[in-house]
Amino acid sequence: MSNVIETTGVVVRAETDQPKTVEMNGFGVGERNTLVISFATAVALIGTWWLIARLGLVPRLFLPTPQEVATQIGAVYRDGYAGASLGEHISASLFRIATAAAIAIAAGIPIGLLMGLNRWAKGIFDTPIEFYWPLPPLAYLPLMIIWLGIGETSKVTLLVLAMFAPICLSAQAGVRALPIERVNAARSLGARPWQLLVSIVLPSALPEILTGIRIALGVGWGTLVAAELIASNRGIGYMIMSASQFLATDVVFVGIGIIAACAFAFSAAVRLLEATLVPWKGKS
């Protein structure tokens, strides 16, 4: 498209640019799938493990081959280990993790939201949380035994303490990241405080809360071995510790693999929940 302009006897043809559609490049990973890269990395790691064990660079006592670990999985599944079947070990650990996660979520989310909304609540809860959270669970494990005995209560309490802080602090961070414009808009429309909490604060903080739950589940599975040191006779952590006492490295690898698989399944479930509840995350 062009326009003809005549000035002092000179004809000038002025071209007008056509509108162009420009596709904006994303930043970071975005929505691009990394499944192939992850699968290739897993294959490379297993191949490296097999090569090192096959060449004998590390004694078999300390690093069994993948085939030996796979064979031991079948043996533990058929015959059990340390006085219990594989199903009993897994179910005992899942019960402890699930119970602790339910308690940590039920307590951590309300307290975290309250800390983000009220300075008195933040002042009261922030100090004890920041005091104990950096401590490794083994540091206060003896106190759990002294105070709560050697039953399931001490094990679950240890896991709750490990999982509570990430959930609580993530909920608080979600509230603090809430744009004030949303709150003001809701107030201008006559929203009451409880309506602000349910319709504005909680949905806005939900992405941070779900991220905190994922982190807490990872910390919980990492703490499981310490929790099952307390006079246990069932559980994956107990199985690992029993195998380590007899230098049964292949059984230790089996236990580590089961914990990793369970933790991955829990993380995938939270990711699916995240995609369902907060589909807008990362797309603003």
C-alpha atoms as a PDB file:
ATOM      1  CA  MET A   1       0.000   0.000   0.000  1.00  0.00           C
ATOM      2  CA  SER A   2       1.385   3.447  -0.906  1.00  0.00           C
ATOM      3  CA  ASN A   3       0.386   7.119  -0.836  1.00  0.00           C
ATOM      4  CA  VAL A   4       1.291   9.685  -3.495  1.00  0.00           C
ATOM      5  CA  ILE A   5       2.367  13.098  -2.176  1.00  0.00           C
ATOM      6  CA  GLU A   6       2.969  16.098  -4.474  1.00  0.00           C
ATOM      7  CA  THR A   7       5.242  18.895  -3.160  1.00  0.00           C
ATOM      8  CA  THR A   8       6.514  21.806  -5.376  1.00  0.00           C
ATOM      9  CA  GLY A   9       6.017  19.891  -8.545  1.00  0.00           C
ATOM     10  CA  VAL A  10       7.828  16.777  -7.297  1.00  0.00           C
ATOM     11  CA  VAL A  11       5.871  13.594  -6.906  1.00  0.00           C
ATOM     12  CA  VAL A  12       6.987  11.464  -3.988  1.00  0.00           C
ATOM     13  CA  ARG A  13       5.680   7.970  -3.441  1.00  0.00           C
ATOM     14  CA  ALA A  14       5.515   7.221   0.299  1.00  0.00           C
ATOM     15  CA  GLU A  15       5.358   3.582   1.279  1.00  0.00           C
ATOM     16  CA  THR A  16       3.336   2.655   4.340  1.00  0.00           C
ATOM     17  CA  ASP A  17       4.448  -0.419   6.254  1.00  0.00           C
ATOM     18  CA  GLN A  18       2.073  -3.309   6.571  1.00  0.00           C
ATOM     19  CA  PRO A  19       1.428  -4.466  10.158  1.00  0.00           C
ATOM     20  CA  LYS A  20       3.531  -7.491  11.072  1.00  0.00           C
ATOM     21  CA  THR A  21       2.874 -10.144  13.654  1.00  0.00           C
ATOM     22  CA  VAL A  22       5.867 -10.677  15.885  1.00  0.00           C
ATOM     23  CA  GLU A  23       6.168 -13.829  17.970  1.00  0.00           C
ATOM     24  CA  MET A  24       7.717 -13.118  21.342  1.00  0.00           C
ATOM     25  CA  ASN A  25      10.398 -15.506  22.491  1.00  0.00           C
ATOM     26  CA  GLY A  26       9.828 -17.116  25.854  1.00  0.00           C
ATOM     27  CA  PHE A  27      12.279 -16.881  28.717  1.00  0.00           C
ATOM     28  CA  GLY A  28      13.664 -19.917  30.517  1.00  0.00           C
ATOM     29  CA  VAL A  29      12.335 -23.445  30.091  1.00  0.00           C
ATOM     30  CA  GLY A  30       8.677 -22.431  29.870  1.00  0.00           C
ATOM     31  CA  GLU A  31       6.381 -25.152  28.564  1.00  0.00           C
ATOM     32  CA  ARG A  32       9.025 -27.033  26.572  1.00  0.00           C
ATOM     33  CA  ASN A  33       9.090 -30.747  27.305  1.00  0.00           C
ATOM     34  CA  THR A  34      12.242 -32.165  28.909  1.00  0.00           C
ATOM     35  CA  LEU A  35      11.154 -35.817  29.026  1.00  0.00           C
ATOM     36  CA  VAL A  36      13.587 -36.982  26.343  1.00  0.00           C
ATOM     37  CA  ILE A  37      16.504 -35.178  28.008  1.00  0.00           C
ATOM     38  CA  SER A  38      15.614 -36.659  31.415  1.00  0.00           C
ATOM     39  CA  PHE A  39      15.308 -40.169  29.970  1.00  0.00           C
ATOM     40  CA  ALA A  40      18.652 -39.858  28.191  1.00  0.00           C
ATOM     41  CA  THR A  41      20.278 -38.621  31.412  1.00  0.00           C
ATOM     42  CA  ALA A  42      18.898 -41.595  33.364  1.00  0.00           C
ATOM     43  CA  VAL A  43      20.185 -44.025  30.729  1.00  0.00           C
ATOM     44  CA  ALA A  44      23.610 -42.343  30.785  1.00  0.00           C
ATOM     45  CA  LEU A  45      23.818 -42.557  34.588  1.00  0.00           C
ATOM     46  CA  ILE A  46      22.833 -46.236  34.662  1.00  0.00           C
ATOM     47  CA  GLY A  47      25.297 -46.943  31.852  1.00  0.00           C
ATOM     48  CA  THR A  48      28.089 -45.197  33.758  1.00  0.00           C
ATOM     49  CA  TRP A  49      27.191 -47.154  36.914  1.00  0.00           C
ATOM     50  CA  TRP A  50      27.256 -50.446  34.945  1.00  0.00           C
ATOM     51  CA  LEU A  51      30.590 -49.591  33.305  1.00  0.00           C
ATOM     52  CA  ILE A  52      32.301 -48.654  36.587  1.00  0.00           C
ATOM     53  CA  ALA A  53      31.048 -51.838  38.301  1.00  0.00           C
ATOM     54  CA  ARG A  54      31.876 -54.006  35.284  1.00  0.00           C
ATOM     55  CA  LEU A  55      35.434 -52.719  35.003  1.00  0.00           C
ATOM     56  CA  GLY A  56      35.965 -53.340  38.721  1.00  0.00           C
ATOM     57  CA  LEU A  57      36.984 -49.768  39.442  1.00  0.00           C
ATOM     58  CA  VAL A  58      35.064 -50.124  42.716  1.00  0.00           C
ATOM     59  CA  PRO A  59      34.856 -53.468  44.581  1.00  0.00           C
ATOM     60  CA  ARG A  60      31.534 -55.303  44.130  1.00  0.00           C
ATOM     61  CA  LEU A  61      31.071 -55.242  47.899  1.00  0.00           C
ATOM     62  CA  PHE A  62      30.603 -51.477  47.723  1.00  0.00           C
ATOM     63  CA  LEU A  63      29.124 -51.064  44.229  1.00  0.00           C
ATOM     64  CA  PRO A  64      27.091 -53.957  42.841  1.00  0.00           C
ATOM     65  CA  THR A  65      26.096 -54.038  39.188  1.00  0.00           C
ATOM     66  CA  PRO A  66      22.593 -53.024  38.076  1.00  0.00           C
ATOM     67  CA  GLN A  67      21.900 -56.689  37.253  1.00  0.00           C
ATOM     68  CA  GLU A  68      22.742 -57.736  40.816  1.00  0.00           C
ATOM     69  CA  VAL A  69      20.450 -55.064  42.223  1.00  0.00           C
ATOM     70  CA  ALA A  70      17.631 -56.146  39.897  1.00  0.00           C
ATOM     71  CA  THR A  71      18.128 -59.766  40.997  1.00  0.00           C
ATOM     72  CA  GLN A  72      18.017 -58.712  44.639  1.00  0.00           C
ATOM     73  CA  ILE A  73      14.729 -56.860  44.070  1.00  0.00           C
ATOM     74  CA  GLY A  74      13.170 -60.168  43.024  1.00  0.00           C
ATOM     75  CA  ALA A  75      14.684 -61.973  46.008  1.00  0.00           C
ATOM     76  CA  VAL A  76      13.406 -59.370  48.496  1.00  0.00           C
ATOM     77  CA  TYR A  77       9.979 -59.416  46.839  1.00  0.00           C
ATOM     78  CA  ARG A  78       9.754 -63.216  47.112  1.00  0.00           C
ATOM     79  CA  ASP A  79      11.370 -63.835  50.480  1.00  0.00           C
ATOM     80  CA  GLY A  80      11.178 -60.494  52.290  1.00  0.00           C
ATOM     81  CA  TYR A  81      13.999 -59.039  54.347  1.00  0.00           C
ATOM     82  CA  ALA A  82      14.706 -58.411  58.041  1.00  0.00           C
ATOM     83  CA  GLY A  83      11.676 -60.345  59.255  1.00  0.00           C
ATOM     84  CA  ALA A  84       9.058 -58.688  57.027  1.00  0.00           C
ATOM     85  CA  SER A  85       7.869 -58.818  53.446  1.00  0.00           C
ATOM     86  CA  LEU A  86       8.615 -56.039  50.998  1.00  0.00           C
ATOM     87  CA  GLY A  87       4.973 -54.977  51.051  1.00  0.00           C
ATOM     88  CA  GLU A  88       5.022 -54.660  54.843  1.00  0.00           C
ATOM     89  CA  HIS A  89       8.157 -52.501  54.704  1.00  0.00           C
ATOM     90  CA  ILE A  90       6.669 -50.215  52.033  1.00  0.00           C
ATOM     91  CA  SER A  91       3.258 -49.929  53.711  1.00  0.00           C
ATOM     92  CA  ALA A  92       4.846 -49.043  57.069  1.00  0.00           C
ATOM     93  CA  SER A  93       6.889 -46.240  55.504  1.00  0.00           C
ATOM     94  CA  LEU A  94       3.954 -44.962  53.446  1.00  0.00           C
ATOM     95  CA  PHE A  95       1.762 -44.845  56.552  1.00  0.00           C
ATOM     96  CA  ARG A  96       4.324 -42.753  58.426  1.00  0.00           C
ATOM     97  CA  ILE A  97       4.933 -40.371  55.529  1.00  0.00           C
ATOM     98  CA  ALA A  98       1.238 -39.951  54.704  1.00  0.00           C
ATOM     99  CA  THR A  99       0.257 -39.357  58.330  1.00  0.00           C
ATOM    100  CA  ALA A 100       3.046 -36.831  58.874  1.00  0.00           C
ATOM    101  CA  ALA A 101       2.261 -35.051  55.593  1.00  0.00           C
ATOM    102  CA  ALA A 102      -1.438 -34.741  56.469  1.00  0.00           C
ATOM    103  CA  ILE A 103      -0.610 -33.249  59.878  1.00  0.00           C
ATOM    104  CA  ALA A 104       2.047 -30.898  58.466  1.00  0.00           C
ATOM    105  CA  ILE A 105      -0.286 -29.657  55.710  1.00  0.00           C
ATOM    106  CA  ALA A 106      -3.247 -29.218  58.060  1.00  0.00           C
ATOM    107  CA  ALA A 107      -1.139 -27.171  60.497  1.00  0.00           C
ATOM    108  CA  GLY A 108       1.366 -25.499  58.157  1.00  0.00           C
ATOM    109  CA  ILE A 109      -1.013 -23.863  55.674  1.00  0.00           C
ATOM    110  CA  PRO A 110      -3.238 -22.014  58.191  1.00  0.00           C
ATOM    111  CA  ILE A 111      -0.278 -20.908  60.306  1.00  0.00           C
ATOM    112  CA  GLY A 112       1.649 -19.780  57.220  1.00  0.00           C
ATOM    113  CA  LEU A 113      -1.314 -17.773  55.929  1.00  0.00           C
ATOM    114  CA  LEU A 114      -1.777 -16.226  59.364  1.00  0.00           C
ATOM    115  CA  MET A 115       1.925 -15.286  59.495  1.00  0.00           C
ATOM    116  CA  GLY A 116       1.576 -13.566  56.149  1.00  0.00           C
ATOM    117  CA  LEU A 117      -1.510 -11.625  57.222  1.00  0.00           C
ATOM    118  CA  ASN A 118      -0.743 -10.707  60.833  1.00  0.00           C
ATOM    119  CA  ARG A 119       2.482  -9.310  62.260  1.00  0.00           C
ATOM    120  CA  TRP A 120       1.765 -10.694  65.738  1.00  0.00           C
ATOM    121  CA  ALA A 121       1.430 -14.207  64.329  1.00  0.00           C
ATOM    122  CA  LYS A 122       4.638 -13.740  62.356  1.00  0.00           C
ATOM    123  CA  GLY A 123       6.474 -12.508  65.419  1.00  0.00           C
ATOM    124  CA  ILE A 124       5.271 -15.438  67.543  1.00  0.00           C
ATOM    125  CA  PHE A 125       5.819 -18.309  65.103  1.00  0.00           C
ATOM    126  CA  ASP A 126       8.780 -17.068  63.088  1.00  0.00           C
ATOM    127  CA  THR A 127      11.383 -17.425  65.846  1.00  0.00           C
ATOM    128  CA  PRO A 128      10.783 -21.093  66.780  1.00  0.00           C
ATOM    129  CA  ILE A 129      10.443 -22.129  63.128  1.00  0.00           C
ATOM    130  CA  GLU A 130      13.648 -20.394  62.076  1.00  0.00           C
ATOM    131  CA  PHE A 131      15.386 -21.857  65.149  1.00  0.00           C
ATOM    132  CA  TYR A 132      14.633 -25.526  64.570  1.00  0.00           C
ATOM    133  CA  TRP A 133      14.292 -25.719  60.783  1.00  0.00           C
ATOM    134  CA  PRO A 134      18.052 -25.558  59.945  1.00  0.00           C
ATOM    135  CA  LEU A 135      18.758 -28.337  62.459  1.00  0.00           C
ATOM    136  CA  PRO A 136      19.199 -31.829  60.969  1.00  0.00           C
ATOM    137  CA  PRO A 137      16.571 -34.313  62.227  1.00  0.00           C
ATOM    138  CA  LEU A 138      19.259 -36.462  63.858  1.00  0.00           C
ATOM    139  CA  ALA A 139      20.043 -33.496  66.156  1.00  0.00           C
ATOM    140  CA  TYR A 140      16.643 -33.625  67.879  1.00  0.00           C
ATOM    141  CA  LEU A 141      16.028 -37.340  67.364  1.00  0.00           C
ATOM    142  CA  PRO A 142      17.201 -38.141  70.936  1.00  0.00           C
ATOM    143  CA  LEU A 143      14.691 -35.631  72.321  1.00  0.00           C
ATOM    144  CA  MET A 144      11.882 -37.354  70.413  1.00  0.00           C
ATOM    145  CA  ILE A 145      12.852 -40.653  72.010  1.00  0.00           C
ATOM    146  CA  ILE A 146      13.106 -39.152  75.512  1.00  0.00           C
ATOM    147  CA  TRP A 147       9.850 -37.191  75.290  1.00  0.00           C
ATOM    148  CA  LEU A 148       7.654 -39.504  73.212  1.00  0.00           C
ATOM    149  CA  GLY A 149       9.132 -42.963  73.630  1.00  0.00           C
ATOM    150  CA  ILE A 150      10.020 -45.437  70.900  1.00  0.00           C
ATOM    151  CA  GLY A 151       6.585 -45.972  69.375  1.00  0.00           C
ATOM    152  CA  GLU A 152       5.045 -44.589  66.208  1.00  0.00           C
ATOM    153  CA  THR A 153       4.373 -41.201  67.826  1.00  0.00           C
ATOM    154  CA  SER A 154       8.046 -40.236  67.948  1.00  0.00           C
ATOM    155  CA  LYS A 155       8.621 -41.335  64.335  1.00  0.00           C
ATOM    156  CA  VAL A 156       5.636 -39.419  62.976  1.00  0.00           C
ATOM    157  CA  THR A 157       6.479 -36.342  65.078  1.00  0.00           C
ATOM    158  CA  LEU A 158      10.018 -36.281  63.695  1.00  0.00           C
ATOM    159  CA  LEU A 159       8.630 -36.372  60.147  1.00  0.00           C
ATOM    160  CA  VAL A 160       6.032 -33.690  60.941  1.00  0.00           C
ATOM    161  CA  LEU A 161       8.722 -31.340  62.248  1.00  0.00           C
ATOM    162  CA  ALA A 162      10.804 -31.907  59.116  1.00  0.00           C
ATOM    163  CA  MET A 163       7.845 -31.259  56.775  1.00  0.00           C
ATOM    164  CA  PHE A 164       6.039 -28.483  58.635  1.00  0.00           C
ATOM    165  CA  ALA A 165       8.501 -25.628  58.127  1.00  0.00           C
ATOM    166  CA  PRO A 166       8.703 -25.698  54.277  1.00  0.00           C
ATOM    167  CA  ILE A 167       4.902 -25.721  54.003  1.00  0.00           C
ATOM    168  CA  CYS A 168       4.416 -22.955  56.549  1.00  0.00           C
ATOM    169  CA  LEU A 169       7.095 -20.666  55.110  1.00  0.00           C
ATOM    170  CA  SER A 170       5.847 -21.240  51.559  1.00  0.00           C
ATOM    171  CA  ALA A 171       2.306 -20.269  52.553  1.00  0.00           C
ATOM    172  CA  GLN A 172       3.659 -17.117  54.193  1.00  0.00           C
ATOM    173  CA  ALA A 173       5.696 -16.284  51.065  1.00  0.00           C
ATOM    174  CA  GLY A 174       2.602 -16.781  48.919  1.00  0.00           C
ATOM    175  CA  VAL A 175       0.670 -14.219  50.941  1.00  0.00           C
ATOM    176  CA  ARG A 176       3.500 -11.704  50.852  1.00  0.00           C
ATOM    177  CA  ALA A 177       3.751 -12.057  47.058  1.00  0.00           C
ATOM    178  CA  LEU A 178       0.051 -11.202  46.617  1.00  0.00           C
ATOM    179  CA  PRO A 179      -0.342  -8.034  44.456  1.00  0.00           C
ATOM    180  CA  ILE A 180      -2.034  -5.343  46.526  1.00  0.00           C
ATOM    181  CA  GLU A 181      -4.060  -4.318  43.450  1.00  0.00           C
ATOM    182  CA  ARG A 182      -6.116  -7.519  43.706  1.00  0.00           C
ATOM    183  CA  VAL A 183      -6.899  -6.839  47.348  1.00  0.00           C
ATOM    184  CA  ASN A 184      -7.873  -3.228  46.664  1.00  0.00           C
ATOM    185  CA  ALA A 185     -10.058  -4.256  43.733  1.00  0.00           C
ATOM    186  CA  ALA A 186     -11.875  -6.809  45.866  1.00  0.00           C
ATOM    187  CA  ARG A 187     -12.327  -4.284  48.685  1.00  0.00           C
ATOM    188  CA  SER A 188     -13.733  -1.712  46.281  1.00  0.00           C
ATOM    189  CA  LEU A 189     -16.361  -4.282  45.290  1.00  0.00           C
ATOM    190  CA  GLY A 190     -17.343  -4.764  48.942  1.00  0.00           C
ATOM    191  CA  ALA A 191     -15.527  -8.009  49.733  1.00  0.00           C
ATOM    192  CA  ARG A 192     -15.502  -8.986  53.397  1.00  0.00           C
ATOM    193  CA  PRO A 193     -12.339 -10.235  55.157  1.00  0.00           C
ATOM    194  CA  TRP A 194     -13.301 -13.914  54.895  1.00  0.00           C
ATOM    195  CA  GLN A 195     -14.148 -13.417  51.218  1.00  0.00           C
ATOM    196  CA  LEU A 196     -10.725 -11.864  50.678  1.00  0.00           C
ATOM    197  CA  LEU A 197      -9.118 -14.872  52.323  1.00  0.00           C
ATOM    198  CA  VAL A 198     -11.056 -17.506  50.370  1.00  0.00           C
ATOM    199  CA  SER A 199     -11.302 -15.797  46.976  1.00  0.00           C
ATOM    200  CA  ILE A 200      -8.121 -13.710  46.769  1.00  0.00           C
ATOM    201  CA  VAL A 201      -5.451 -14.680  49.296  1.00  0.00           C
ATOM    202  CA  LEU A 202      -5.691 -18.479  49.162  1.00  0.00           C
ATOM    203  CA  PRO A 203      -5.821 -18.835  45.342  1.00  0.00           C
ATOM    204  CA  SER A 204      -2.925 -16.386  44.962  1.00  0.00           C
ATOM    205  CA  ALA A 205      -0.826 -18.229  47.545  1.00  0.00           C
ATOM    206  CA  LEU A 206      -1.714 -21.705  46.238  1.00  0.00           C
ATOM    207  CA  PRO A 207       1.218 -22.013  43.762  1.00  0.00           C
ATOM    208  CA  GLU A 208       3.713 -21.272  46.544  1.00  0.00           C
ATOM    209  CA  ILE A 209       1.900 -23.651  48.898  1.00  0.00           C
ATOM    210  CA  LEU A 210       2.018 -26.530  46.417  1.00  0.00           C
ATOM    211  CA  THR A 211       5.714 -25.888  45.814  1.00  0.00           C
ATOM    212  CA  GLY A 212       6.260 -25.986  49.580  1.00  0.00           C
ATOM    213  CA  ILE A 213       4.390 -29.310  49.794  1.00  0.00           C
ATOM    214  CA  ARG A 214       6.639 -30.796  47.101  1.00  0.00           C
ATOM    215  CA  ILE A 215       9.733 -29.643  48.977  1.00  0.00           C
ATOM    216  CA  ALA A 216       8.320 -30.937  52.264  1.00  0.00           C
ATOM    217  CA  LEU A 217       7.639 -34.375  50.797  1.00  0.00           C
ATOM    218  CA  GLY A 218      11.223 -34.565  49.579  1.00  0.00           C
ATOM    219  CA  VAL A 219      12.501 -33.582  53.024  1.00  0.00           C
ATOM    220  CA  GLY A 220      10.154 -36.124  54.607  1.00  0.00           C
ATOM    221  CA  TRP A 221      11.447 -39.008  52.522  1.00  0.00           C
ATOM    222  CA  GLY A 222      14.998 -37.876  53.291  1.00  0.00           C
ATOM    223  CA  THR A 223      14.189 -37.936  57.009  1.00  0.00           C
ATOM    224  CA  LEU A 224      12.523 -41.353  56.838  1.00  0.00           C
ATOM    225  CA  VAL A 225      15.719 -43.312  57.491  1.00  0.00           C
ATOM    226  CA  ALA A 226      16.393 -41.243  60.620  1.00  0.00           C
ATOM    227  CA  ALA A 227      12.794 -41.678  61.795  1.00  0.00           C
ATOM    228  CA  GLU A 228      12.950 -45.449  61.376  1.00  0.00           C
ATOM    229  CA  LEU A 229      16.079 -45.671  63.488  1.00  0.00           C
ATOM    230  CA  ILE A 230      13.787 -45.467  66.524  1.00  0.00           C
ATOM    231  CA  ALA A 231      13.226 -49.106  67.500  1.00  0.00           C
ATOM    232  CA  SER A 232      11.611 -50.046  64.194  1.00  0.00           C
ATOM    233  CA  ASN A 233      11.022 -53.510  62.823  1.00  0.00           C
ATOM    234  CA  ARG A 234       9.259 -52.394  59.637  1.00  0.00           C
ATOM    235  CA  GLY A 235       9.940 -49.773  56.995  1.00  0.00           C
ATOM    236  CA  ILE A 236      12.215 -49.058  54.035  1.00  0.00           C
ATOM    237  CA  GLY A 237      14.582 -47.016  56.195  1.00  0.00           C
ATOM    238  CA  TYR A 238      14.796 -49.872  58.682  1.00  0.00           C
ATOM    239  CA  MET A 239      15.518 -52.293  55.828  1.00  0.00           C
ATOM    240  CA  ILE A 240      18.334 -50.063  54.558  1.00  0.00           C
ATOM    241  CA  MET A 241      19.907 -49.744  58.005  1.00  0.00           C
ATOM    242  CA  SER A 242      19.649 -53.495  58.620  1.00  0.00           C
ATOM    243  CA  ALA A 243      21.283 -54.254  55.275  1.00  0.00           C
ATOM    244  CA  SER A 244      24.087 -51.769  55.912  1.00  0.00           C
ATOM    245  CA  GLN A 245      25.015 -53.561  59.143  1.00  0.00           C
ATOM    246  CA  PHE A 246      25.673 -56.745  57.137  1.00  0.00           C
ATOM    247  CA  LEU A 247      27.303 -54.924  54.176  1.00  0.00           C
ATOM    248  CA  ALA A 248      24.440 -56.070  51.930  1.00  0.00           C
ATOM    249  CA  THR A 249      25.010 -53.220  49.508  1.00  0.00           C
ATOM    250  CA  ASP A 250      22.631 -54.602  46.896  1.00  0.00           C
ATOM    251  CA  VAL A 251      19.767 -54.520  49.415  1.00  0.00           C
ATOM    252  CA  VAL A 252      20.748 -50.955  50.342  1.00  0.00           C
ATOM    253  CA  PHE A 253      20.463 -50.029  46.663  1.00  0.00           C
ATOM    254  CA  VAL A 254      17.053 -51.719  46.514  1.00  0.00           C
ATOM    255  CA  GLY A 255      15.836 -49.635  49.472  1.00  0.00           C
ATOM    256  CA  ILE A 256      17.232 -46.428  47.987  1.00  0.00           C
ATOM    257  CA  GLY A 257      15.511 -47.206  44.689  1.00  0.00           C
ATOM    258  CA  ILE A 258      12.165 -47.818  46.415  1.00  0.00           C
ATOM    259  CA  ILE A 259      12.395 -44.547  48.343  1.00  0.00           C
ATOM    260  CA  ALA A 260      13.300 -42.699  45.136  1.00  0.00           C
ATOM    261  CA  ALA A 261      10.355 -44.276  43.273  1.00  0.00           C
ATOM    262  CA  CYS A 262       7.904 -43.431  46.069  1.00  0.00           C
ATOM    263  CA  ALA A 263       9.205 -39.868  46.326  1.00  0.00           C
ATOM    264  CA  PHE A 264       8.918 -39.458  42.547  1.00  0.00           C
ATOM    265  CA  ALA A 265       5.321 -40.731  42.630  1.00  0.00           C
ATOM    266  CA  PHE A 266       4.413 -38.268  45.406  1.00  0.00           C
ATOM    267  CA  SER A 267       6.068 -35.406  43.518  1.00  0.00           C
ATOM    268  CA  ALA A 268       4.255 -36.349  40.295  1.00  0.00           C
ATOM    269  CA  ALA A 269       0.938 -36.385  42.169  1.00  0.00           C
ATOM    270  CA  VAL A 270       1.585 -32.860  43.489  1.00  0.00           C
ATOM    271  CA  ARG A 271       2.569 -31.705  39.984  1.00  0.00           C
ATOM    272  CA  LEU A 272      -0.704 -33.103  38.634  1.00  0.00           C
ATOM    273  CA  LEU A 273      -2.604 -31.350  41.413  1.00  0.00           C
ATOM    274  CA  GLU A 274      -0.726 -28.155  40.596  1.00  0.00           C
ATOM    275  CA  ALA A 275      -1.658 -28.402  36.905  1.00  0.00           C
ATOM    276  CA  THR A 276      -5.309 -28.878  37.889  1.00  0.00           C
ATOM    277  CA  LEU A 277      -5.626 -26.207  40.597  1.00  0.00           C
ATOM    278  CA  VAL A 278      -3.242 -23.516  39.316  1.00  0.00           C
ATOM    279  CA  PRO A 279      -3.047 -23.914  35.509  1.00  0.00           C
ATOM    280  CA  TRP A 280      -2.057 -20.260  35.181  1.00  0.00           C
ATOM    281  CA  LYS A 281       1.226 -20.717  37.063  1.00  0.00           C
ATOM    282  CA  GLY A 282       4.228 -19.575  35.020  1.00  0.00           C
ATOM    283  CA  LYS A 283       2.069 -18.172  32.208  1.00  0.00           C
ATOM    284  CA  SER A 284       1.562 -14.607  33.382  1.00  0.00           C
END
